[in-house]
């Protein structure tokens, strides 16, 4: 902060206090540029304000089931996205069928069987995205394990199995994509996993 010039301070002040920074945003000064981070309510946001690109490259963990699958379908049909879907299950006929559905919807999709809690496997997924499409535009983390029981009745192992993909998985995803120029990093969460 002490190394900022007076012009930098003036620009930051103008951006923060003027119309440039939206209410509820976080700002970060990074290499001479003010960067903005903000929460977006996806239920009320306009489709084009969310930040998805036409033909963008998106990694969806848990991408062949639940909300990950619904998101993949939407990105393929609306944005003709290139999708890298990951999950713990080995590829099977059902997953192959889903990949074909995404192709027919206008997207391009591949599936990689891996565990979001394994850093080496996650680095390999980033390499696959770089080799096939030149990199990633975003990560959508919907992977999780459902452990059906109330929190109070969970044993420590069950608790860790349920939270591991969300907590440790998020940290690993952040680390392995830190050199990617991501437009977005979306975390899906539900108390049902707890």
N, C-alpha and C. Protein backbone atom coordinates (compact mmCIF):
# COMPACT_ATOMS: atom_id res chain seq x y z
N UNK A 1 0.83 -1.19 0.00
CA UNK A 1 0.00 0.00 0.00
C UNK A 1 0.87 1.25 0.00
N UNK A 2 1.97 1.22 0.73
CA UNK A 2 2.83 2.39 0.82
C UNK A 2 3.50 2.71 -0.51
N UNK A 3 3.61 1.75 -1.42
CA UNK A 3 4.28 2.00 -2.69
C UNK A 3 3.35 2.59 -3.74
N UNK A 4 2.08 2.79 -3.42
CA UNK A 4 1.15 3.38 -4.38
C UNK A 4 1.44 4.87 -4.56
N UNK A 5 1.32 5.31 -5.81
CA UNK A 5 1.51 6.73 -6.13
C UNK A 5 0.21 7.48 -5.88
N UNK A 6 0.30 8.79 -5.80
CA UNK A 6 -0.87 9.63 -5.57
C UNK A 6 -1.92 9.41 -6.65
N UNK A 7 -1.46 9.21 -7.90
CA UNK A 7 -2.42 8.98 -9.00
C UNK A 7 -3.19 7.68 -8.78
N UNK A 8 -2.48 6.66 -8.24
CA UNK A 8 -3.13 5.38 -7.97
C UNK A 8 -4.22 5.56 -6.92
N UNK A 9 -3.89 6.28 -5.85
CA UNK A 9 -4.86 6.52 -4.79
C UNK A 9 -6.08 7.26 -5.35
N UNK A 10 -5.83 8.24 -6.19
CA UNK A 10 -6.92 9.01 -6.77
C UNK A 10 -7.82 8.10 -7.63
N UNK A 11 -7.20 7.23 -8.41
CA UNK A 11 -7.97 6.32 -9.26
C UNK A 11 -8.77 5.33 -8.42
N UNK A 12 -8.15 4.80 -7.36
CA UNK A 12 -8.85 3.87 -6.47
C UNK A 12 -10.04 4.57 -5.83
N UNK A 13 -9.81 5.77 -5.34
CA UNK A 13 -10.89 6.53 -4.69
C UNK A 13 -12.04 6.76 -5.67
N UNK A 14 -11.71 7.14 -6.89
CA UNK A 14 -12.73 7.39 -7.90
C UNK A 14 -13.51 6.12 -8.23
N UNK A 15 -12.81 5.00 -8.34
CA UNK A 15 -13.48 3.74 -8.65
C UNK A 15 -14.36 3.25 -7.50
N UNK A 16 -13.87 3.36 -6.28
CA UNK A 16 -14.60 2.86 -5.12
C UNK A 16 -15.78 3.77 -4.79
N UNK A 17 -15.57 5.07 -4.81
CA UNK A 17 -16.61 6.00 -4.41
C UNK A 17 -17.52 6.40 -5.58
N UNK A 18 -17.05 6.23 -6.79
CA UNK A 18 -17.83 6.62 -7.96
C UNK A 18 -18.70 5.47 -8.43
N UNK A 19 -19.19 5.57 -9.66
CA UNK A 19 -20.10 4.54 -10.16
C UNK A 19 -19.39 3.25 -10.60
N UNK A 20 -18.05 3.22 -10.57
CA UNK A 20 -17.32 2.06 -11.11
C UNK A 20 -17.46 0.79 -10.31
N UNK A 21 -17.58 0.86 -8.99
CA UNK A 21 -17.65 -0.34 -8.15
C UNK A 21 -19.07 -0.53 -7.65
N UNK A 22 -19.61 -1.69 -7.84
CA UNK A 22 -21.00 -1.96 -7.47
C UNK A 22 -21.11 -2.21 -5.97
N UNK A 23 -22.25 -1.89 -5.43
CA UNK A 23 -22.52 -2.11 -4.01
C UNK A 23 -22.39 -3.60 -3.70
N UNK A 24 -21.80 -3.91 -2.57
CA UNK A 24 -21.63 -5.30 -2.16
C UNK A 24 -20.43 -5.98 -2.78
N UNK A 25 -19.59 -5.24 -3.47
CA UNK A 25 -18.41 -5.81 -4.12
C UNK A 25 -17.20 -5.74 -3.21
N UNK A 26 -16.25 -6.59 -3.49
CA UNK A 26 -14.94 -6.52 -2.85
C UNK A 26 -13.97 -6.03 -3.90
N UNK A 27 -13.03 -5.20 -3.49
CA UNK A 27 -12.05 -4.68 -4.44
C UNK A 27 -10.65 -5.09 -4.02
N UNK A 28 -9.80 -5.29 -5.02
CA UNK A 28 -8.41 -5.65 -4.77
C UNK A 28 -7.53 -4.89 -5.76
N UNK A 29 -6.48 -4.26 -5.26
CA UNK A 29 -5.53 -3.58 -6.12
C UNK A 29 -4.48 -4.61 -6.52
N UNK A 30 -4.33 -4.86 -7.81
CA UNK A 30 -3.45 -5.91 -8.29
C UNK A 30 -2.67 -5.42 -9.50
N UNK A 31 -1.37 -5.25 -9.34
CA UNK A 31 -0.48 -4.86 -10.42
C UNK A 31 -1.00 -3.67 -11.22
N UNK A 32 -1.35 -2.62 -10.50
CA UNK A 32 -1.77 -1.38 -11.15
C UNK A 32 -3.20 -1.38 -11.66
N UNK A 33 -3.98 -2.36 -11.24
CA UNK A 33 -5.35 -2.46 -11.71
C UNK A 33 -6.27 -2.79 -10.55
N UNK A 34 -7.41 -2.11 -10.51
CA UNK A 34 -8.40 -2.40 -9.49
C UNK A 34 -9.29 -3.54 -9.98
N UNK A 35 -9.32 -4.63 -9.23
CA UNK A 35 -10.14 -5.78 -9.61
C UNK A 35 -11.33 -5.87 -8.66
N UNK A 36 -12.45 -6.24 -9.22
CA UNK A 36 -13.68 -6.31 -8.45
C UNK A 36 -14.16 -7.75 -8.35
N UNK A 37 -14.57 -8.13 -7.15
CA UNK A 37 -15.21 -9.41 -6.94
C UNK A 37 -16.56 -9.12 -6.33
N UNK A 38 -17.58 -9.82 -6.82
CA UNK A 38 -18.91 -9.57 -6.27
C UNK A 38 -19.72 -10.85 -6.28
N UNK A 39 -20.67 -10.91 -5.37
CA UNK A 39 -21.60 -12.02 -5.32
C UNK A 39 -22.73 -11.72 -6.29
N UNK A 40 -23.19 -12.73 -7.00
CA UNK A 40 -24.28 -12.57 -7.94
C UNK A 40 -25.38 -13.54 -7.55
N UNK A 41 -26.58 -13.02 -7.40
CA UNK A 41 -27.73 -13.88 -7.13
C UNK A 41 -28.17 -14.47 -8.46
N UNK A 42 -27.84 -15.75 -8.69
CA UNK A 42 -28.11 -16.38 -9.97
C UNK A 42 -29.60 -16.49 -10.26
N UNK A 43 -30.42 -16.47 -9.22
CA UNK A 43 -31.87 -16.59 -9.44
C UNK A 43 -32.45 -15.35 -10.11
N UNK A 44 -31.84 -14.18 -9.85
CA UNK A 44 -32.39 -12.94 -10.40
C UNK A 44 -31.48 -12.27 -11.42
N UNK A 45 -30.29 -12.81 -11.64
CA UNK A 45 -29.34 -12.19 -12.57
C UNK A 45 -29.76 -12.39 -14.01
N UNK A 46 -29.46 -11.40 -14.83
CA UNK A 46 -29.67 -11.56 -16.27
C UNK A 46 -28.62 -12.54 -16.79
N UNK A 47 -29.02 -13.35 -17.74
CA UNK A 47 -28.13 -14.41 -18.25
C UNK A 47 -26.78 -13.86 -18.71
N UNK A 48 -26.76 -12.71 -19.39
CA UNK A 48 -25.51 -12.19 -19.92
C UNK A 48 -24.67 -11.45 -18.89
N UNK A 49 -25.17 -11.26 -17.68
CA UNK A 49 -24.39 -10.56 -16.66
C UNK A 49 -23.61 -11.50 -15.75
N UNK A 50 -23.79 -12.80 -15.93
CA UNK A 50 -23.18 -13.77 -15.03
C UNK A 50 -21.70 -13.97 -15.35
N UNK A 51 -21.32 -13.88 -16.60
CA UNK A 51 -19.91 -14.00 -16.94
C UNK A 51 -19.54 -15.21 -17.76
N UNK A 52 -20.53 -15.98 -18.23
CA UNK A 52 -20.22 -17.11 -19.09
C UNK A 52 -19.95 -16.62 -20.51
N UNK A 53 -19.01 -17.28 -21.18
CA UNK A 53 -18.66 -16.93 -22.56
C UNK A 53 -19.27 -17.94 -23.54
N UNK A 54 -19.58 -17.45 -24.72
CA UNK A 54 -19.93 -18.37 -25.81
C UNK A 54 -18.69 -19.19 -26.09
N UNK A 55 -18.84 -20.51 -26.20
CA UNK A 55 -17.74 -21.46 -26.44
C UNK A 55 -16.68 -21.42 -25.33
N UNK A 56 -17.06 -20.95 -24.16
CA UNK A 56 -16.15 -20.95 -23.03
C UNK A 56 -15.80 -22.36 -22.58
N UNK A 57 -14.71 -22.47 -21.84
CA UNK A 57 -14.24 -23.76 -21.33
C UNK A 57 -14.49 -23.81 -19.83
N UNK A 58 -15.35 -24.73 -19.41
CA UNK A 58 -15.75 -24.80 -18.01
C UNK A 58 -15.55 -26.21 -17.45
N UNK A 59 -14.96 -26.25 -16.27
CA UNK A 59 -14.74 -27.50 -15.55
C UNK A 59 -15.85 -27.62 -14.51
N UNK A 60 -16.64 -28.67 -14.60
CA UNK A 60 -17.72 -28.89 -13.65
C UNK A 60 -17.42 -30.17 -12.87
N UNK A 61 -17.13 -30.02 -11.59
CA UNK A 61 -16.93 -31.19 -10.74
C UNK A 61 -18.32 -31.72 -10.39
N UNK A 62 -18.46 -33.04 -10.34
CA UNK A 62 -19.79 -33.61 -10.13
C UNK A 62 -20.69 -33.31 -11.31
N UNK A 63 -20.11 -33.24 -12.49
CA UNK A 63 -20.80 -32.73 -13.66
C UNK A 63 -21.75 -33.67 -14.36
N UNK A 64 -21.85 -34.92 -13.93
CA UNK A 64 -22.76 -35.84 -14.62
C UNK A 64 -23.97 -36.23 -13.76
N UNK A 65 -24.17 -35.53 -12.66
CA UNK A 65 -25.36 -35.78 -11.85
C UNK A 65 -25.77 -34.52 -11.10
N UNK A 66 -26.98 -34.52 -10.62
CA UNK A 66 -27.49 -33.43 -9.79
C UNK A 66 -27.39 -32.06 -10.45
N UNK A 67 -27.05 -31.08 -9.65
CA UNK A 67 -26.98 -29.70 -10.13
C UNK A 67 -25.83 -29.51 -11.12
N UNK A 68 -24.78 -30.31 -11.00
CA UNK A 68 -23.68 -30.25 -11.96
C UNK A 68 -24.16 -30.61 -13.35
N UNK A 69 -25.00 -31.65 -13.46
CA UNK A 69 -25.54 -32.07 -14.75
C UNK A 69 -26.49 -31.01 -15.31
N UNK A 70 -27.35 -30.45 -14.47
CA UNK A 70 -28.27 -29.39 -14.93
C UNK A 70 -27.49 -28.19 -15.45
N UNK A 71 -26.41 -27.86 -14.77
CA UNK A 71 -25.57 -26.73 -15.20
C UNK A 71 -24.89 -27.05 -16.52
N UNK A 72 -24.39 -28.26 -16.66
CA UNK A 72 -23.74 -28.68 -17.92
C UNK A 72 -24.72 -28.57 -19.08
N UNK A 73 -25.95 -29.04 -18.88
CA UNK A 73 -26.95 -28.96 -19.94
C UNK A 73 -27.20 -27.50 -20.35
N UNK A 74 -27.32 -26.64 -19.38
CA UNK A 74 -27.59 -25.22 -19.65
C UNK A 74 -26.41 -24.57 -20.39
N UNK A 75 -25.20 -24.84 -19.95
CA UNK A 75 -24.02 -24.25 -20.59
C UNK A 75 -23.86 -24.76 -22.03
N UNK A 76 -24.17 -26.03 -22.26
CA UNK A 76 -24.06 -26.60 -23.61
C UNK A 76 -25.11 -25.98 -24.54
N UNK A 77 -26.34 -25.88 -24.07
CA UNK A 77 -27.42 -25.41 -24.95
C UNK A 77 -27.41 -23.90 -25.16
N UNK A 78 -27.08 -23.13 -24.15
CA UNK A 78 -27.14 -21.67 -24.27
C UNK A 78 -25.81 -21.09 -24.76
N UNK A 79 -24.70 -21.59 -24.25
CA UNK A 79 -23.39 -21.00 -24.54
C UNK A 79 -22.53 -21.86 -25.48
N UNK A 80 -23.02 -23.03 -25.86
CA UNK A 80 -22.24 -23.97 -26.69
C UNK A 80 -20.86 -24.18 -26.07
N UNK A 81 -20.88 -24.33 -24.77
CA UNK A 81 -19.65 -24.41 -23.98
C UNK A 81 -18.89 -25.70 -24.23
N UNK A 82 -17.60 -25.61 -23.97
CA UNK A 82 -16.72 -26.78 -23.98
C UNK A 82 -16.56 -27.18 -22.52
N UNK A 83 -16.99 -28.38 -22.20
CA UNK A 83 -17.14 -28.79 -20.81
C UNK A 83 -16.24 -29.95 -20.45
N UNK A 84 -15.54 -29.78 -19.35
CA UNK A 84 -14.73 -30.84 -18.78
C UNK A 84 -15.45 -31.26 -17.51
N UNK A 85 -16.09 -32.42 -17.56
CA UNK A 85 -16.87 -32.92 -16.44
C UNK A 85 -16.05 -33.94 -15.68
N UNK A 86 -16.07 -33.83 -14.36
CA UNK A 86 -15.34 -34.80 -13.55
C UNK A 86 -16.25 -35.38 -12.48
N UNK A 87 -15.90 -36.59 -12.06
CA UNK A 87 -16.62 -37.27 -11.00
C UNK A 87 -15.85 -38.50 -10.57
N UNK A 88 -16.26 -39.10 -9.49
CA UNK A 88 -15.56 -40.28 -8.97
C UNK A 88 -15.89 -41.55 -9.74
N UNK A 89 -17.06 -41.60 -10.35
CA UNK A 89 -17.47 -42.83 -11.04
C UNK A 89 -16.61 -43.06 -12.28
N UNK A 90 -16.29 -44.33 -12.55
CA UNK A 90 -15.64 -44.63 -13.84
C UNK A 90 -16.63 -44.36 -14.96
N UNK A 91 -16.10 -44.05 -16.13
CA UNK A 91 -17.00 -43.80 -17.26
C UNK A 91 -17.80 -45.06 -17.54
N UNK A 92 -19.08 -44.88 -17.87
CA UNK A 92 -19.98 -46.00 -18.11
C UNK A 92 -20.96 -45.59 -19.22
N UNK A 93 -21.83 -46.50 -19.66
CA UNK A 93 -22.75 -46.15 -20.74
C UNK A 93 -23.64 -44.95 -20.44
N UNK A 94 -24.08 -44.80 -19.20
CA UNK A 94 -24.92 -43.65 -18.84
C UNK A 94 -24.15 -42.34 -19.02
N UNK A 95 -22.91 -42.30 -18.58
CA UNK A 95 -22.09 -41.10 -18.73
C UNK A 95 -21.82 -40.82 -20.20
N UNK A 96 -21.53 -41.86 -20.97
CA UNK A 96 -21.32 -41.67 -22.42
C UNK A 96 -22.56 -41.08 -23.07
N UNK A 97 -23.73 -41.55 -22.66
CA UNK A 97 -25.00 -41.03 -23.19
C UNK A 97 -25.15 -39.55 -22.84
N UNK A 98 -24.78 -39.18 -21.64
CA UNK A 98 -24.88 -37.77 -21.24
C UNK A 98 -23.93 -36.89 -22.04
N UNK A 99 -22.74 -37.39 -22.32
CA UNK A 99 -21.80 -36.64 -23.15
C UNK A 99 -22.37 -36.41 -24.55
N UNK A 100 -23.01 -37.44 -25.09
CA UNK A 100 -23.65 -37.31 -26.41
C UNK A 100 -24.78 -36.28 -26.37
N UNK A 101 -25.55 -36.27 -25.28
CA UNK A 101 -26.63 -35.29 -25.14
C UNK A 101 -26.08 -33.86 -25.16
N UNK A 102 -24.95 -33.66 -24.50
CA UNK A 102 -24.34 -32.32 -24.48
C UNK A 102 -23.85 -31.93 -25.87
N UNK A 103 -23.31 -32.90 -26.61
CA UNK A 103 -22.87 -32.63 -27.99
C UNK A 103 -24.07 -32.23 -28.84
N UNK A 104 -25.18 -32.95 -28.72
CA UNK A 104 -26.38 -32.65 -29.50
C UNK A 104 -26.97 -31.29 -29.12
N UNK A 105 -26.75 -30.87 -27.89
CA UNK A 105 -27.26 -29.57 -27.43
C UNK A 105 -26.40 -28.40 -27.92
N UNK A 106 -25.24 -28.71 -28.51
CA UNK A 106 -24.38 -27.65 -29.04
C UNK A 106 -23.07 -27.48 -28.32
N UNK A 107 -22.83 -28.27 -27.29
CA UNK A 107 -21.58 -28.17 -26.55
C UNK A 107 -20.56 -29.20 -26.99
N UNK A 108 -19.43 -29.18 -26.35
CA UNK A 108 -18.37 -30.17 -26.54
C UNK A 108 -18.01 -30.61 -25.14
N UNK A 109 -18.03 -31.91 -24.86
CA UNK A 109 -17.82 -32.36 -23.49
C UNK A 109 -16.97 -33.62 -23.42
N UNK A 110 -16.15 -33.67 -22.38
CA UNK A 110 -15.41 -34.89 -22.06
C UNK A 110 -15.59 -35.16 -20.57
N UNK A 111 -15.35 -36.40 -20.18
CA UNK A 111 -15.47 -36.80 -18.79
C UNK A 111 -14.15 -37.40 -18.32
N UNK A 112 -13.74 -37.02 -17.12
CA UNK A 112 -12.54 -37.58 -16.50
C UNK A 112 -12.95 -38.11 -15.13
N UNK A 113 -12.68 -39.39 -14.89
CA UNK A 113 -12.95 -39.99 -13.60
C UNK A 113 -11.79 -39.66 -12.66
N UNK A 114 -12.09 -38.97 -11.57
CA UNK A 114 -11.05 -38.59 -10.61
C UNK A 114 -11.69 -38.15 -9.30
N UNK A 115 -10.88 -37.98 -8.29
CA UNK A 115 -11.31 -37.58 -6.96
C UNK A 115 -10.85 -36.15 -6.71
N UNK A 116 -11.79 -35.26 -6.42
CA UNK A 116 -11.48 -33.84 -6.23
C UNK A 116 -10.56 -33.60 -5.02
N UNK A 117 -10.41 -34.59 -4.18
CA UNK A 117 -9.53 -34.45 -3.01
C UNK A 117 -8.10 -34.92 -3.28
N UNK A 118 -7.78 -35.24 -4.52
CA UNK A 118 -6.44 -35.71 -4.88
C UNK A 118 -5.76 -34.66 -5.77
N UNK A 119 -4.81 -33.92 -5.20
CA UNK A 119 -4.17 -32.83 -5.94
C UNK A 119 -3.53 -33.25 -7.27
N UNK A 120 -2.87 -34.40 -7.30
CA UNK A 120 -2.20 -34.83 -8.54
C UNK A 120 -3.24 -35.06 -9.64
N UNK A 121 -4.35 -35.68 -9.29
CA UNK A 121 -5.42 -35.91 -10.27
C UNK A 121 -6.01 -34.59 -10.75
N UNK A 122 -6.15 -33.62 -9.86
CA UNK A 122 -6.73 -32.33 -10.23
C UNK A 122 -5.78 -31.55 -11.16
N UNK A 123 -4.48 -31.68 -10.91
CA UNK A 123 -3.50 -31.03 -11.81
C UNK A 123 -3.58 -31.65 -13.20
N UNK A 124 -3.80 -32.95 -13.26
CA UNK A 124 -3.93 -33.64 -14.53
C UNK A 124 -5.15 -33.13 -15.31
N UNK A 125 -6.23 -32.86 -14.60
CA UNK A 125 -7.44 -32.33 -15.25
C UNK A 125 -7.17 -30.97 -15.87
N UNK A 126 -6.44 -30.12 -15.16
CA UNK A 126 -6.08 -28.81 -15.71
C UNK A 126 -5.23 -28.99 -16.97
N UNK A 127 -4.29 -29.93 -16.94
CA UNK A 127 -3.46 -30.20 -18.12
C UNK A 127 -4.31 -30.67 -19.30
N UNK A 128 -5.30 -31.48 -19.05
CA UNK A 128 -6.19 -31.96 -20.11
C UNK A 128 -6.93 -30.77 -20.73
N UNK A 129 -7.42 -29.87 -19.90
CA UNK A 129 -8.12 -28.69 -20.41
C UNK A 129 -7.19 -27.82 -21.26
N UNK A 130 -5.97 -27.65 -20.81
CA UNK A 130 -4.99 -26.85 -21.58
C UNK A 130 -4.68 -27.51 -22.92
N UNK A 131 -4.46 -28.82 -22.90
CA UNK A 131 -4.11 -29.53 -24.14
C UNK A 131 -5.27 -29.53 -25.14
N UNK A 132 -6.47 -29.72 -24.65
CA UNK A 132 -7.62 -29.83 -25.56
C UNK A 132 -8.16 -28.48 -26.00
N UNK A 133 -8.24 -27.51 -25.06
CA UNK A 133 -8.91 -26.25 -25.37
C UNK A 133 -8.06 -25.01 -25.08
N UNK A 134 -6.85 -25.18 -24.63
CA UNK A 134 -5.98 -24.03 -24.37
C UNK A 134 -6.09 -23.43 -22.98
N UNK A 135 -6.92 -23.98 -22.13
CA UNK A 135 -7.06 -23.47 -20.77
C UNK A 135 -8.50 -23.50 -20.31
N UNK A 136 -8.75 -22.86 -19.19
CA UNK A 136 -10.08 -22.83 -18.57
C UNK A 136 -10.58 -21.40 -18.44
N UNK A 137 -11.89 -21.22 -18.60
CA UNK A 137 -12.51 -19.93 -18.33
C UNK A 137 -13.22 -19.92 -16.98
N UNK A 138 -13.55 -21.10 -16.47
CA UNK A 138 -14.24 -21.13 -15.19
C UNK A 138 -14.30 -22.51 -14.59
N UNK A 139 -14.54 -22.52 -13.28
CA UNK A 139 -14.70 -23.76 -12.51
C UNK A 139 -16.04 -23.68 -11.80
N UNK A 140 -16.80 -24.74 -11.88
CA UNK A 140 -18.07 -24.85 -11.17
C UNK A 140 -17.99 -26.11 -10.32
N UNK A 141 -17.87 -25.93 -9.03
CA UNK A 141 -17.61 -27.05 -8.11
C UNK A 141 -18.91 -27.52 -7.47
N UNK A 142 -19.43 -28.63 -8.00
CA UNK A 142 -20.67 -29.18 -7.44
C UNK A 142 -20.47 -30.58 -6.86
N UNK A 143 -19.24 -31.07 -6.87
CA UNK A 143 -18.98 -32.42 -6.36
C UNK A 143 -19.27 -32.49 -4.87
N UNK A 144 -19.77 -33.62 -4.47
CA UNK A 144 -20.03 -33.83 -3.06
C UNK A 144 -20.47 -35.26 -2.81
N UNK A 145 -20.48 -35.62 -1.57
CA UNK A 145 -20.92 -36.95 -1.15
C UNK A 145 -22.09 -36.77 -0.20
N UNK A 146 -23.17 -37.47 -0.46
CA UNK A 146 -24.33 -37.39 0.42
C UNK A 146 -24.20 -38.47 1.48
N UNK A 147 -24.23 -38.04 2.71
CA UNK A 147 -24.22 -38.96 3.86
C UNK A 147 -25.54 -38.73 4.59
N UNK A 148 -26.53 -39.52 4.27
CA UNK A 148 -27.87 -39.30 4.79
C UNK A 148 -27.99 -39.62 6.28
N UNK A 149 -27.87 -38.58 7.07
CA UNK A 149 -28.17 -38.65 8.49
C UNK A 149 -28.05 -37.23 9.03
N UNK A 150 -28.68 -36.98 10.17
CA UNK A 150 -28.60 -35.66 10.79
C UNK A 150 -27.19 -35.44 11.34
N UNK A 151 -26.78 -34.19 11.38
CA UNK A 151 -25.45 -33.82 11.86
C UNK A 151 -25.17 -34.41 13.23
N UNK A 152 -26.13 -34.34 14.10
CA UNK A 152 -25.93 -34.81 15.48
C UNK A 152 -25.66 -36.32 15.54
N UNK A 153 -26.14 -37.07 14.54
CA UNK A 153 -25.94 -38.52 14.58
C UNK A 153 -24.78 -38.99 13.69
N UNK A 154 -24.05 -38.06 13.10
CA UNK A 154 -22.92 -38.45 12.25
C UNK A 154 -21.72 -38.82 13.12
N UNK A 155 -21.01 -39.85 12.70
CA UNK A 155 -19.74 -40.15 13.35
C UNK A 155 -18.67 -39.31 12.65
N UNK A 156 -17.49 -39.16 13.24
CA UNK A 156 -16.45 -38.31 12.65
C UNK A 156 -16.06 -38.69 11.21
N UNK A 157 -16.01 -39.99 10.92
CA UNK A 157 -15.66 -40.42 9.56
C UNK A 157 -16.71 -39.97 8.55
N UNK A 158 -17.97 -40.15 8.88
CA UNK A 158 -19.06 -39.75 8.00
C UNK A 158 -19.04 -38.23 7.78
N UNK A 159 -18.79 -37.50 8.85
CA UNK A 159 -18.71 -36.04 8.78
C UNK A 159 -17.60 -35.61 7.82
N UNK A 160 -16.43 -36.23 7.94
CA UNK A 160 -15.29 -35.88 7.07
C UNK A 160 -15.54 -36.30 5.62
N UNK A 161 -16.18 -37.45 5.41
CA UNK A 161 -16.50 -37.88 4.05
C UNK A 161 -17.45 -36.90 3.37
N UNK A 162 -18.41 -36.38 4.13
CA UNK A 162 -19.40 -35.46 3.57
C UNK A 162 -18.79 -34.09 3.28
N UNK A 163 -17.92 -33.61 4.15
CA UNK A 163 -17.36 -32.26 3.98
C UNK A 163 -16.08 -32.21 3.16
N UNK A 164 -15.38 -33.33 3.05
CA UNK A 164 -14.10 -33.35 2.34
C UNK A 164 -14.14 -32.79 0.93
N UNK A 165 -15.06 -33.27 0.08
CA UNK A 165 -15.08 -32.76 -1.29
C UNK A 165 -15.36 -31.26 -1.35
N UNK A 166 -16.12 -30.74 -0.41
CA UNK A 166 -16.43 -29.31 -0.43
C UNK A 166 -15.30 -28.47 0.15
N UNK A 167 -14.76 -28.87 1.28
CA UNK A 167 -13.74 -28.05 1.94
C UNK A 167 -12.36 -28.28 1.33
N UNK A 168 -11.85 -29.48 1.48
CA UNK A 168 -10.53 -29.80 0.93
C UNK A 168 -10.55 -29.71 -0.60
N UNK A 169 -11.64 -30.17 -1.22
CA UNK A 169 -11.76 -30.11 -2.68
C UNK A 169 -11.71 -28.69 -3.20
N UNK A 170 -12.37 -27.77 -2.52
CA UNK A 170 -12.35 -26.36 -2.94
C UNK A 170 -10.95 -25.80 -2.84
N UNK A 171 -10.24 -26.10 -1.77
CA UNK A 171 -8.87 -25.61 -1.60
C UNK A 171 -7.96 -26.15 -2.71
N UNK A 172 -8.10 -27.42 -3.01
CA UNK A 172 -7.27 -28.03 -4.07
C UNK A 172 -7.61 -27.43 -5.43
N UNK A 173 -8.89 -27.27 -5.73
CA UNK A 173 -9.29 -26.66 -7.01
C UNK A 173 -8.72 -25.26 -7.15
N UNK A 174 -8.78 -24.49 -6.07
CA UNK A 174 -8.23 -23.13 -6.10
C UNK A 174 -6.73 -23.16 -6.37
N UNK A 175 -6.03 -24.07 -5.73
CA UNK A 175 -4.57 -24.16 -5.92
C UNK A 175 -4.21 -24.58 -7.34
N UNK A 176 -4.88 -25.61 -7.88
CA UNK A 176 -4.48 -26.12 -9.20
C UNK A 176 -4.92 -25.21 -10.34
N UNK A 177 -5.85 -24.31 -10.09
CA UNK A 177 -6.27 -23.37 -11.14
C UNK A 177 -5.73 -21.96 -10.90
N UNK A 178 -4.84 -21.80 -9.95
CA UNK A 178 -4.36 -20.46 -9.60
C UNK A 178 -3.63 -19.76 -10.74
N UNK A 179 -3.09 -20.51 -11.70
CA UNK A 179 -2.39 -19.90 -12.83
C UNK A 179 -3.29 -19.77 -14.06
N UNK A 180 -4.53 -20.18 -13.95
CA UNK A 180 -5.49 -20.02 -15.04
C UNK A 180 -6.13 -18.64 -14.93
N UNK A 181 -6.47 -18.06 -16.04
CA UNK A 181 -7.11 -16.74 -16.05
C UNK A 181 -8.63 -16.95 -16.03
N UNK A 182 -9.15 -17.34 -14.86
CA UNK A 182 -10.56 -17.69 -14.73
C UNK A 182 -11.45 -16.45 -14.70
N UNK A 183 -12.58 -16.55 -15.37
CA UNK A 183 -13.62 -15.52 -15.28
C UNK A 183 -14.48 -15.74 -14.05
N UNK A 184 -14.61 -16.99 -13.65
CA UNK A 184 -15.47 -17.29 -12.51
C UNK A 184 -15.06 -18.60 -11.84
N UNK A 185 -15.39 -18.69 -10.57
CA UNK A 185 -15.15 -19.88 -9.75
C UNK A 185 -16.40 -20.00 -8.89
N UNK A 186 -17.28 -20.91 -9.24
CA UNK A 186 -18.58 -21.02 -8.58
C UNK A 186 -18.60 -22.26 -7.69
N UNK A 187 -19.08 -22.08 -6.46
CA UNK A 187 -19.19 -23.17 -5.51
C UNK A 187 -20.67 -23.44 -5.27
N UNK A 188 -21.08 -24.68 -5.48
CA UNK A 188 -22.44 -25.10 -5.16
C UNK A 188 -22.39 -25.78 -3.81
N UNK A 189 -23.32 -25.47 -2.94
CA UNK A 189 -23.32 -26.07 -1.62
C UNK A 189 -24.73 -26.37 -1.18
N UNK A 190 -24.85 -27.32 -0.28
CA UNK A 190 -26.13 -27.69 0.27
C UNK A 190 -25.90 -28.22 1.68
N UNK A 191 -26.79 -27.91 2.55
CA UNK A 191 -26.69 -28.45 3.89
C UNK A 191 -27.04 -29.94 3.93
N UNK A 192 -27.58 -30.46 2.82
CA UNK A 192 -27.94 -31.88 2.81
C UNK A 192 -26.69 -32.76 2.92
N UNK A 193 -25.54 -32.27 2.51
CA UNK A 193 -24.31 -33.04 2.64
C UNK A 193 -23.86 -33.16 4.07
N UNK A 194 -24.26 -32.22 4.90
CA UNK A 194 -23.87 -32.20 6.30
C UNK A 194 -24.87 -33.01 7.08
